[in-house]
Amino acid sequence: MKIKKIISAVLASIAAAGLCAANAFAVEDGQATYCFDTTAKISDFAYYGSVENTNMELTHTTFTSKNGSGCLIISENSKGDDKNLYGGYYVEASKFGLEKFDGCTVEMSVKLCPGATMYYDSFALYSDGSIWLSQPVTALSDSEWSTFTMPVATGSDSTRVGFTIPTYQEYKGDIVYIDDFTITDANGNVIANQGDYEAKAVAVEDAPSKGQNIGLTILLVILIFAIVGGIGLIVSSALRRFS
């Protein structure tokens, strides 16, 4: 176990150096492997470690999202007395017909829940296999989405990718929102959405009313007649001048 941790630390440092030059790329609406617009595929993510001790929970909301109609919420009800300090949620490579995630890229968009500024100190993207690699999630905002990207090193034999428990401190409530969890394979192809995409509905107050539509149509007709009439006057004037 110690050897694995040492190797992981070395490779994590190398990966971190590469990450400095790597730019996060944002997928388009509906392209993410997991859009979290519905609850349909949350169960694809298995948990391990201290999830139960910290009462970490994955739920769904439609009140905010980066894309689509909803996103994932991570919450905890932790007493702050857990001693293991490890764990989180993950998906298996076999779920996507892959033997391992080596050479793949994992990405997710994150926004901080109100009041949780000090409670995501242990939150990270990670991959696990013969070695452990992680990308810490830092400098979150409760008003803007941030996108984090982690390349999975070749030779890491990673069969799992996911995200860790946000905090082991005493805390009760929502911590972060997650949207557009995306896995890009070693050939650069985004693994297609798994069936949880739903387009964002247009809010009633944002949609023009029937009366507004009629008013706009009348205004457009009047404008067309005014333009045609103006052109007619110009042509008529020109004809009189040169006749």
C-alpha atoms as a PDB file:
ATOM      1  CA  MET A   1       0.000   0.000   0.000  1.00  0.00           C
ATOM      2  CA  LYS A   2       2.852   2.386   0.823  1.00  0.00           C
ATOM      3  CA  ILE A   3       4.491   1.637  -2.546  1.00  0.00           C
ATOM      4  CA  LYS A   4       1.231   2.399  -4.330  1.00  0.00           C
ATOM      5  CA  LYS A   5       0.918   5.701  -2.476  1.00  0.00           C
ATOM      6  CA  ILE A   6       4.508   6.695  -3.335  1.00  0.00           C
ATOM      7  CA  ILE A   7       4.062   5.847  -7.013  1.00  0.00           C
ATOM      8  CA  SER A   8       0.720   7.652  -7.007  1.00  0.00           C
ATOM      9  CA  ALA A   9       2.270  10.753  -5.467  1.00  0.00           C
ATOM     10  CA  VAL A  10       5.024  10.841  -8.104  1.00  0.00           C
ATOM     11  CA  LEU A  11       2.625  10.341 -11.003  1.00  0.00           C
ATOM     12  CA  ALA A  12       0.188  12.823  -9.513  1.00  0.00           C
ATOM     13  CA  SER A  13       2.963  15.429  -9.495  1.00  0.00           C
ATOM     14  CA  ILE A  14       3.742  14.687 -13.142  1.00  0.00           C
ATOM     15  CA  ALA A  15       0.058  14.847 -14.019  1.00  0.00           C
ATOM     16  CA  ALA A  16      -0.334  18.105 -12.123  1.00  0.00           C
ATOM     17  CA  ALA A  17       2.485  19.626 -14.148  1.00  0.00           C
ATOM     18  CA  GLY A  18       0.710  18.576 -17.319  1.00  0.00           C
ATOM     19  CA  LEU A  19      -2.561  19.950 -16.046  1.00  0.00           C
ATOM     20  CA  CYS A  20      -1.071  23.419 -15.753  1.00  0.00           C
ATOM     21  CA  ALA A  21      -0.859  23.503 -19.541  1.00  0.00           C
ATOM     22  CA  ALA A  22      -4.151  21.720 -20.156  1.00  0.00           C
ATOM     23  CA  ASN A  23      -7.208  23.783 -20.924  1.00  0.00           C
ATOM     24  CA  ALA A  24     -10.655  22.693 -19.792  1.00  0.00           C
ATOM     25  CA  PHE A  25     -12.977  22.336 -22.761  1.00  0.00           C
ATOM     26  CA  ALA A  26     -16.695  22.814 -22.274  1.00  0.00           C
ATOM     27  CA  VAL A  27     -19.052  20.407 -24.023  1.00  0.00           C
ATOM     28  CA  GLU A  28     -22.191  21.649 -25.752  1.00  0.00           C
ATOM     29  CA  ASP A  29     -25.660  21.221 -24.296  1.00  0.00           C
ATOM     30  CA  GLY A  30     -26.578  17.515 -24.260  1.00  0.00           C
ATOM     31  CA  GLN A  31     -23.119  16.222 -25.204  1.00  0.00           C
ATOM     32  CA  ALA A  32     -21.865  15.323 -21.712  1.00  0.00           C
ATOM     33  CA  THR A  33     -21.633  11.661 -20.762  1.00  0.00           C
ATOM     34  CA  TYR A  34     -23.779  12.512 -17.733  1.00  0.00           C
ATOM     35  CA  CYS A  35     -25.899  15.670 -17.984  1.00  0.00           C
ATOM     36  CA  PHE A  36     -27.746  15.105 -14.654  1.00  0.00           C
ATOM     37  CA  ASP A  37     -30.873  16.721 -16.094  1.00  0.00           C
ATOM     38  CA  THR A  38     -32.941  13.881 -14.601  1.00  0.00           C
ATOM     39  CA  THR A  39     -32.401  11.274 -11.883  1.00  0.00           C
ATOM     40  CA  ALA A  40     -32.269   8.457 -14.450  1.00  0.00           C
ATOM     41  CA  LYS A  41     -28.520   7.723 -14.271  1.00  0.00           C
ATOM     42  CA  ILE A  42     -27.407   8.867 -10.815  1.00  0.00           C
ATOM     43  CA  SER A  43     -27.449   5.203  -9.788  1.00  0.00           C
ATOM     44  CA  ASP A  44     -24.580   4.537 -12.232  1.00  0.00           C
ATOM     45  CA  PHE A  45     -22.283   6.105  -9.610  1.00  0.00           C
ATOM     46  CA  ALA A  46     -21.265   3.629  -6.890  1.00  0.00           C
ATOM     47  CA  TYR A  47     -19.846   4.761  -3.554  1.00  0.00           C
ATOM     48  CA  TYR A  48     -17.006   3.597  -1.312  1.00  0.00           C
ATOM     49  CA  GLY A  49     -15.092   4.618   1.784  1.00  0.00           C
ATOM     50  CA  SER A  50     -16.583   7.041   4.318  1.00  0.00           C
ATOM     51  CA  VAL A  51     -19.647   8.041   2.306  1.00  0.00           C
ATOM     52  CA  GLU A  52     -22.047   6.541   4.829  1.00  0.00           C
ATOM     53  CA  ASN A  53     -20.165   7.953   7.846  1.00  0.00           C
ATOM     54  CA  THR A  54     -20.323  11.474   6.411  1.00  0.00           C
ATOM     55  CA  ASN A  55     -23.871  10.906   5.094  1.00  0.00           C
ATOM     56  CA  MET A  56     -22.753  12.109   1.678  1.00  0.00           C
ATOM     57  CA  GLU A  57     -25.719  12.065  -0.678  1.00  0.00           C
ATOM     58  CA  LEU A  58     -26.350  12.687  -4.377  1.00  0.00           C
ATOM     59  CA  THR A  59     -29.647  14.364  -5.221  1.00  0.00           C
ATOM     60  CA  HIS A  60     -31.103  16.251  -8.160  1.00  0.00           C
ATOM     61  CA  THR A  61     -32.340  19.795  -8.681  1.00  0.00           C
ATOM     62  CA  THR A  62     -33.895  21.790 -11.518  1.00  0.00           C
ATOM     63  CA  PHE A  63     -33.380  25.158  -9.804  1.00  0.00           C
ATOM     64  CA  THR A  64     -29.952  25.653 -11.365  1.00  0.00           C
ATOM     65  CA  SER A  65     -27.817  24.087 -14.104  1.00  0.00           C
ATOM     66  CA  LYS A  66     -24.992  24.888 -16.457  1.00  0.00           C
ATOM     67  CA  ASN A  67     -26.719  23.148 -19.358  1.00  0.00           C
ATOM     68  CA  GLY A  68     -30.006  21.357 -19.732  1.00  0.00           C
ATOM     69  CA  SER A  69     -32.803  21.271 -17.184  1.00  0.00           C
ATOM     70  CA  GLY A  70     -30.993  20.254 -14.003  1.00  0.00           C
ATOM     71  CA  CYS A  71     -27.849  19.161 -12.181  1.00  0.00           C
ATOM     72  CA  LEU A  72     -26.532  17.043  -9.326  1.00  0.00           C
ATOM     73  CA  ILE A  73     -26.268  18.242  -5.708  1.00  0.00           C
ATOM     74  CA  ILE A  74     -23.742  16.829  -3.233  1.00  0.00           C
ATOM     75  CA  SER A  75     -24.770  17.181   0.396  1.00  0.00           C
ATOM     76  CA  GLU A  76     -23.444  15.923   3.731  1.00  0.00           C
ATOM     77  CA  ASN A  77     -24.616  15.544   7.304  1.00  0.00           C
ATOM     78  CA  SER A  78     -21.263  14.928   8.939  1.00  0.00           C
ATOM     79  CA  LYS A  79     -20.374  15.050  12.628  1.00  0.00           C
ATOM     80  CA  GLY A  80     -16.736  15.624  11.751  1.00  0.00           C
ATOM     81  CA  ASP A  81     -15.513  12.576  13.675  1.00  0.00           C
ATOM     82  CA  ASP A  82     -14.682  10.239  10.784  1.00  0.00           C
ATOM     83  CA  LYS A  83     -11.086   8.943  10.981  1.00  0.00           C
ATOM     84  CA  ASN A  84     -10.799   7.191   7.625  1.00  0.00           C
ATOM     85  CA  LEU A  85     -10.799  10.363   5.498  1.00  0.00           C
ATOM     86  CA  TYR A  86     -11.302   8.711   2.133  1.00  0.00           C
ATOM     87  CA  GLY A  87     -14.148   7.844  -0.188  1.00  0.00           C
ATOM     88  CA  GLY A  88     -16.504   9.165  -2.827  1.00  0.00           C
ATOM     89  CA  TYR A  89     -18.468   8.098  -5.912  1.00  0.00           C
ATOM     90  CA  TYR A  90     -17.236   6.501  -9.145  1.00  0.00           C
ATOM     91  CA  VAL A  91     -18.208   4.839 -12.417  1.00  0.00           C
ATOM     92  CA  GLU A  92     -16.492   1.745 -13.828  1.00  0.00           C
ATOM     93  CA  ALA A  93     -14.744   1.619 -17.217  1.00  0.00           C
ATOM     94  CA  SER A  94     -16.712  -1.517 -18.104  1.00  0.00           C
ATOM     95  CA  LYS A  95     -19.893   0.589 -18.020  1.00  0.00           C
ATOM     96  CA  PHE A  96     -18.730   2.182 -21.286  1.00  0.00           C
ATOM     97  CA  GLY A  97     -17.274  -0.921 -22.887  1.00  0.00           C
ATOM     98  CA  LEU A  98     -13.725   0.027 -21.875  1.00  0.00           C
ATOM     99  CA  GLU A  99     -11.130  -2.171 -20.198  1.00  0.00           C
ATOM    100  CA  LYS A 100      -9.665   0.860 -18.416  1.00  0.00           C
ATOM    101  CA  PHE A 101      -9.642   4.652 -18.544  1.00  0.00           C
ATOM    102  CA  ASP A 102      -5.946   5.033 -19.418  1.00  0.00           C
ATOM    103  CA  GLY A 103      -5.506   7.860 -21.928  1.00  0.00           C
ATOM    104  CA  CYS A 104      -9.017   9.177 -21.310  1.00  0.00           C
ATOM    105  CA  THR A 105      -9.927  12.637 -20.009  1.00  0.00           C
ATOM    106  CA  VAL A 106     -12.490  13.300 -17.297  1.00  0.00           C
ATOM    107  CA  GLU A 107     -14.237  16.632 -16.898  1.00  0.00           C
ATOM    108  CA  MET A 108     -17.003  18.111 -14.770  1.00  0.00           C
ATOM    109  CA  SER A 109     -18.489  21.540 -14.119  1.00  0.00           C
ATOM    110  CA  VAL A 110     -18.948  22.611 -10.500  1.00  0.00           C
ATOM    111  CA  LYS A 111     -20.663  25.473  -8.671  1.00  0.00           C
ATOM    112  CA  LEU A 112     -20.601  26.115  -4.940  1.00  0.00           C
ATOM    113  CA  CYS A 113     -23.813  25.967  -2.925  1.00  0.00           C
ATOM    114  CA  PRO A 114     -24.569  29.091  -0.839  1.00  0.00           C
ATOM    115  CA  GLY A 115     -22.887  29.019   2.578  1.00  0.00           C
ATOM    116  CA  ALA A 116     -20.492  26.147   1.776  1.00  0.00           C
ATOM    117  CA  THR A 117     -17.348  28.192   1.117  1.00  0.00           C
ATOM    118  CA  MET A 118     -15.262  26.422   3.781  1.00  0.00           C
ATOM    119  CA  TYR A 119     -16.565  22.901   3.183  1.00  0.00           C
ATOM    120  CA  TYR A 120     -15.130  21.476  -0.032  1.00  0.00           C
ATOM    121  CA  ASP A 121     -11.486  21.202   1.068  1.00  0.00           C
ATOM    122  CA  SER A 122     -11.232  17.486   0.142  1.00  0.00           C
ATOM    123  CA  PHE A 123     -13.210  17.623  -3.098  1.00  0.00           C
ATOM    124  CA  ALA A 124     -11.447  16.332  -6.227  1.00  0.00           C
ATOM    125  CA  LEU A 125     -11.798  14.496  -9.500  1.00  0.00           C
ATOM    126  CA  TYR A 126      -9.960  11.175  -9.358  1.00  0.00           C
ATOM    127  CA  SER A 127      -9.091   7.971 -11.154  1.00  0.00           C
ATOM    128  CA  ASP A 128      -8.066   4.743  -9.451  1.00  0.00           C
ATOM    129  CA  GLY A 129      -6.427   1.512 -10.545  1.00  0.00           C
ATOM    130  CA  SER A 130      -2.902   0.316  -9.841  1.00  0.00           C
ATOM    131  CA  ILE A 131      -2.213   3.961  -8.930  1.00  0.00           C
ATOM    132  CA  TRP A 132      -4.314   6.891  -7.736  1.00  0.00           C
ATOM    133  CA  LEU A 133      -4.525  10.206  -9.629  1.00  0.00           C
ATOM    134  CA  SER A 134      -6.537  13.261  -8.620  1.00  0.00           C
ATOM    135  CA  GLN A 135      -7.304  16.831  -9.641  1.00  0.00           C
ATOM    136  CA  PRO A 136      -8.316  19.057  -6.676  1.00  0.00           C
ATOM    137  CA  VAL A 137     -11.364  21.272  -7.127  1.00  0.00           C
ATOM    138  CA  THR A 138     -10.425  24.767  -5.942  1.00  0.00           C
ATOM    139  CA  ALA A 139     -11.526  28.422  -5.971  1.00  0.00           C
ATOM    140  CA  LEU A 140     -15.230  27.717  -6.452  1.00  0.00           C
ATOM    141  CA  SER A 141     -17.888  30.395  -6.835  1.00  0.00           C
ATOM    142  CA  ASP A 142     -21.546  30.273  -5.804  1.00  0.00           C
ATOM    143  CA  SER A 143     -22.496  32.430  -8.805  1.00  0.00           C
ATOM    144  CA  GLU A 144     -20.393  31.035 -11.662  1.00  0.00           C
ATOM    145  CA  TRP A 145     -19.689  27.509 -12.927  1.00  0.00           C
ATOM    146  CA  SER A 146     -16.080  26.274 -13.039  1.00  0.00           C
ATOM    147  CA  THR A 147     -14.930  23.408 -15.257  1.00  0.00           C
ATOM    148  CA  PHE A 148     -12.210  20.986 -14.110  1.00  0.00           C
ATOM    149  CA  THR A 149     -10.386  18.544 -16.370  1.00  0.00           C
ATOM    150  CA  MET A 150      -8.154  15.592 -15.504  1.00  0.00           C
ATOM    151  CA  PRO A 151      -6.236  13.440 -18.010  1.00  0.00           C
ATOM    152  CA  VAL A 152      -5.877   9.818 -16.933  1.00  0.00           C
ATOM    153  CA  ALA A 153      -2.255   8.759 -17.311  1.00  0.00           C
ATOM    154  CA  THR A 154      -1.358   5.870 -19.599  1.00  0.00           C
ATOM    155  CA  GLY A 155      -0.051   2.981 -17.502  1.00  0.00           C
ATOM    156  CA  SER A 156      -2.186   3.850 -14.476  1.00  0.00           C
ATOM    157  CA  ASP A 157      -4.515   0.878 -15.113  1.00  0.00           C
ATOM    158  CA  SER A 158      -7.418   3.033 -13.959  1.00  0.00           C
ATOM    159  CA  THR A 159     -10.746   1.224 -13.962  1.00  0.00           C
ATOM    160  CA  ARG A 160     -12.647   3.855 -11.965  1.00  0.00           C
ATOM    161  CA  VAL A 161     -13.183   7.605 -12.309  1.00  0.00           C
ATOM    162  CA  GLY A 162     -15.272   9.840 -10.097  1.00  0.00           C
ATOM    163  CA  PHE A 163     -15.215  12.493  -7.385  1.00  0.00           C
ATOM    164  CA  THR A 164     -14.315  12.394  -3.707  1.00  0.00           C
ATOM    165  CA  ILE A 165     -16.129  13.388  -0.494  1.00  0.00           C
ATOM    166  CA  PRO A 166     -16.067  17.231  -0.307  1.00  0.00           C
ATOM    167  CA  THR A 167     -15.243  17.570   3.417  1.00  0.00           C
ATOM    168  CA  TYR A 168     -14.706  15.609   6.624  1.00  0.00           C
ATOM    169  CA  GLN A 169     -15.488  18.573   8.852  1.00  0.00           C
ATOM    170  CA  GLU A 170     -18.703  18.856  10.826  1.00  0.00           C
ATOM    171  CA  TYR A 171     -21.267  20.078   8.340  1.00  0.00           C
ATOM    172  CA  LYS A 172     -24.946  19.663   7.454  1.00  0.00           C
ATOM    173  CA  GLY A 173     -26.346  20.825   4.130  1.00  0.00           C
ATOM    174  CA  ASP A 174     -25.696  21.120   0.407  1.00  0.00           C
ATOM    175  CA  ILE A 175     -22.078  21.689  -0.649  1.00  0.00           C
ATOM    176  CA  VAL A 176     -21.665  21.712  -4.441  1.00  0.00           C
ATOM    177  CA  TYR A 177     -23.606  21.400  -7.681  1.00  0.00           C
ATOM    178  CA  ILE A 178     -22.177  19.186 -10.450  1.00  0.00           C
ATOM    179  CA  ASP A 179     -23.159  19.330 -14.108  1.00  0.00           C
ATOM    180  CA  ASP A 180     -21.845  17.850 -17.374  1.00  0.00           C
ATOM    181  CA  PHE A 181     -19.677  14.987 -16.085  1.00  0.00           C
ATOM    182  CA  THR A 182     -17.836  14.102 -19.287  1.00  0.00           C
ATOM    183  CA  ILE A 183     -15.519  11.249 -20.241  1.00  0.00           C
ATOM    184  CA  THR A 184     -13.488  11.552 -23.441  1.00  0.00           C
ATOM    185  CA  ASP A 185     -11.869   8.322 -24.637  1.00  0.00           C
ATOM    186  CA  ALA A 186      -8.229   7.839 -25.625  1.00  0.00           C
ATOM    187  CA  ASN A 187      -9.090   8.618 -29.266  1.00  0.00           C
ATOM    188  CA  GLY A 188     -10.526  12.017 -28.361  1.00  0.00           C
ATOM    189  CA  ASN A 189     -14.179  11.025 -28.696  1.00  0.00           C
ATOM    190  CA  VAL A 190     -16.644  12.100 -26.019  1.00  0.00           C
ATOM    191  CA  ILE A 191     -18.523   9.094 -24.648  1.00  0.00           C
ATOM    192  CA  ALA A 192     -22.144   9.762 -25.584  1.00  0.00           C
ATOM    193  CA  ASN A 193     -24.790  10.828 -23.107  1.00  0.00           C
ATOM    194  CA  GLN A 194     -26.079   7.864 -21.128  1.00  0.00           C
ATOM    195  CA  GLY A 195     -29.730   8.902 -21.289  1.00  0.00           C
ATOM    196  CA  ASP A 196     -30.181  11.668 -18.708  1.00  0.00           C
ATOM    197  CA  TYR A 197     -30.282  14.730 -20.990  1.00  0.00           C
ATOM    198  CA  GLU A 198     -33.338  16.954 -20.976  1.00  0.00           C
ATOM    199  CA  ALA A 199     -33.456  20.352 -22.670  1.00  0.00           C
ATOM    200  CA  LYS A 200     -34.077  23.344 -20.440  1.00  0.00           C
ATOM    201  CA  ALA A 201     -37.693  24.454 -20.620  1.00  0.00           C
ATOM    202  CA  VAL A 202     -38.401  28.057 -21.562  1.00  0.00           C
ATOM    203  CA  ALA A 203     -39.811  29.855 -18.541  1.00  0.00           C
ATOM    204  CA  VAL A 204     -43.375  31.116 -18.974  1.00  0.00           C
ATOM    205  CA  GLU A 205     -42.350  34.650 -18.103  1.00  0.00           C
ATOM    206  CA  ASP A 206     -39.630  34.501 -20.774  1.00  0.00           C
ATOM    207  CA  ALA A 207     -41.988  33.361 -23.527  1.00  0.00           C
ATOM    208  CA  PRO A 208     -43.845  36.133 -25.389  1.00  0.00           C
ATOM    209  CA  SER A 209     -47.584  36.191 -24.709  1.00  0.00           C
ATOM    210  CA  LYS A 210     -50.228  35.766 -27.413  1.00  0.00           C
ATOM    211  CA  GLY A 211     -51.083  39.459 -27.131  1.00  0.00           C
ATOM    212  CA  GLN A 212     -47.433  40.386 -27.564  1.00  0.00           C
ATOM    213  CA  ASN A 213     -47.183  38.194 -30.659  1.00  0.00           C
ATOM    214  CA  ILE A 214     -50.258  39.846 -32.223  1.00  0.00           C
ATOM    215  CA  GLY A 215     -48.921  43.312 -31.386  1.00  0.00           C
ATOM    216  CA  LEU A 216     -45.537  42.504 -32.902  1.00  0.00           C
ATOM    217  CA  THR A 217     -47.181  41.125 -36.049  1.00  0.00           C
ATOM    218  CA  ILE A 218     -49.295  44.291 -36.499  1.00  0.00           C
ATOM    219  CA  LEU A 219     -46.232  46.471 -35.937  1.00  0.00           C
ATOM    220  CA  LEU A 220     -44.279  44.472 -38.513  1.00  0.00           C
ATOM    221  CA  VAL A 221     -47.073  44.830 -41.105  1.00  0.00           C
ATOM    222  CA  ILE A 222     -47.246  48.597 -40.499  1.00  0.00           C
ATOM    223  CA  LEU A 223     -43.483  48.855 -40.838  1.00  0.00           C
ATOM    224  CA  ILE A 224     -43.544  46.943 -44.142  1.00  0.00           C
ATOM    225  CA  PHE A 225     -46.267  49.208 -45.526  1.00  0.00           C
ATOM    226  CA  ALA A 226     -44.316  52.280 -44.400  1.00  0.00           C
ATOM    227  CA  ILE A 227     -41.172  51.038 -46.133  1.00  0.00           C
ATOM    228  CA  VAL A 228     -43.045  50.152 -49.348  1.00  0.00           C
ATOM    229  CA  GLY A 229     -44.842  53.508 -49.293  1.00  0.00           C
ATOM    230  CA  GLY A 230     -41.577  55.356 -48.732  1.00  0.00           C
ATOM    231  CA  ILE A 231     -39.966  53.567 -51.652  1.00  0.00           C
ATOM    232  CA  GLY A 232     -43.008  54.400 -53.818  1.00  0.00           C
ATOM    233  CA  LEU A 233     -42.742  58.109 -53.002  1.00  0.00           C
ATOM    234  CA  ILE A 234     -39.042  58.140 -53.822  1.00  0.00           C
ATOM    235  CA  VAL A 235     -39.616  56.413 -57.176  1.00  0.00           C
ATOM    236  CA  SER A 236     -42.572  58.687 -58.021  1.00  0.00           C
ATOM    237  CA  SER A 237     -40.521  61.793 -57.191  1.00  0.00           C
ATOM    238  CA  ALA A 238     -37.650  60.566 -59.328  1.00  0.00           C
ATOM    239  CA  LEU A 239     -39.947  59.903 -62.285  1.00  0.00           C
ATOM    240  CA  ARG A 240     -41.461  63.408 -62.089  1.00  0.00           C
ATOM    241  CA  ARG A 241     -37.997  64.951 -61.956  1.00  0.00           C
ATOM    242  CA  PHE A 242     -36.763  63.260 -65.130  1.00  0.00           C
ATOM    243  CA  SER A 243     -40.014  63.289 -67.104  1.00  0.00           C
END
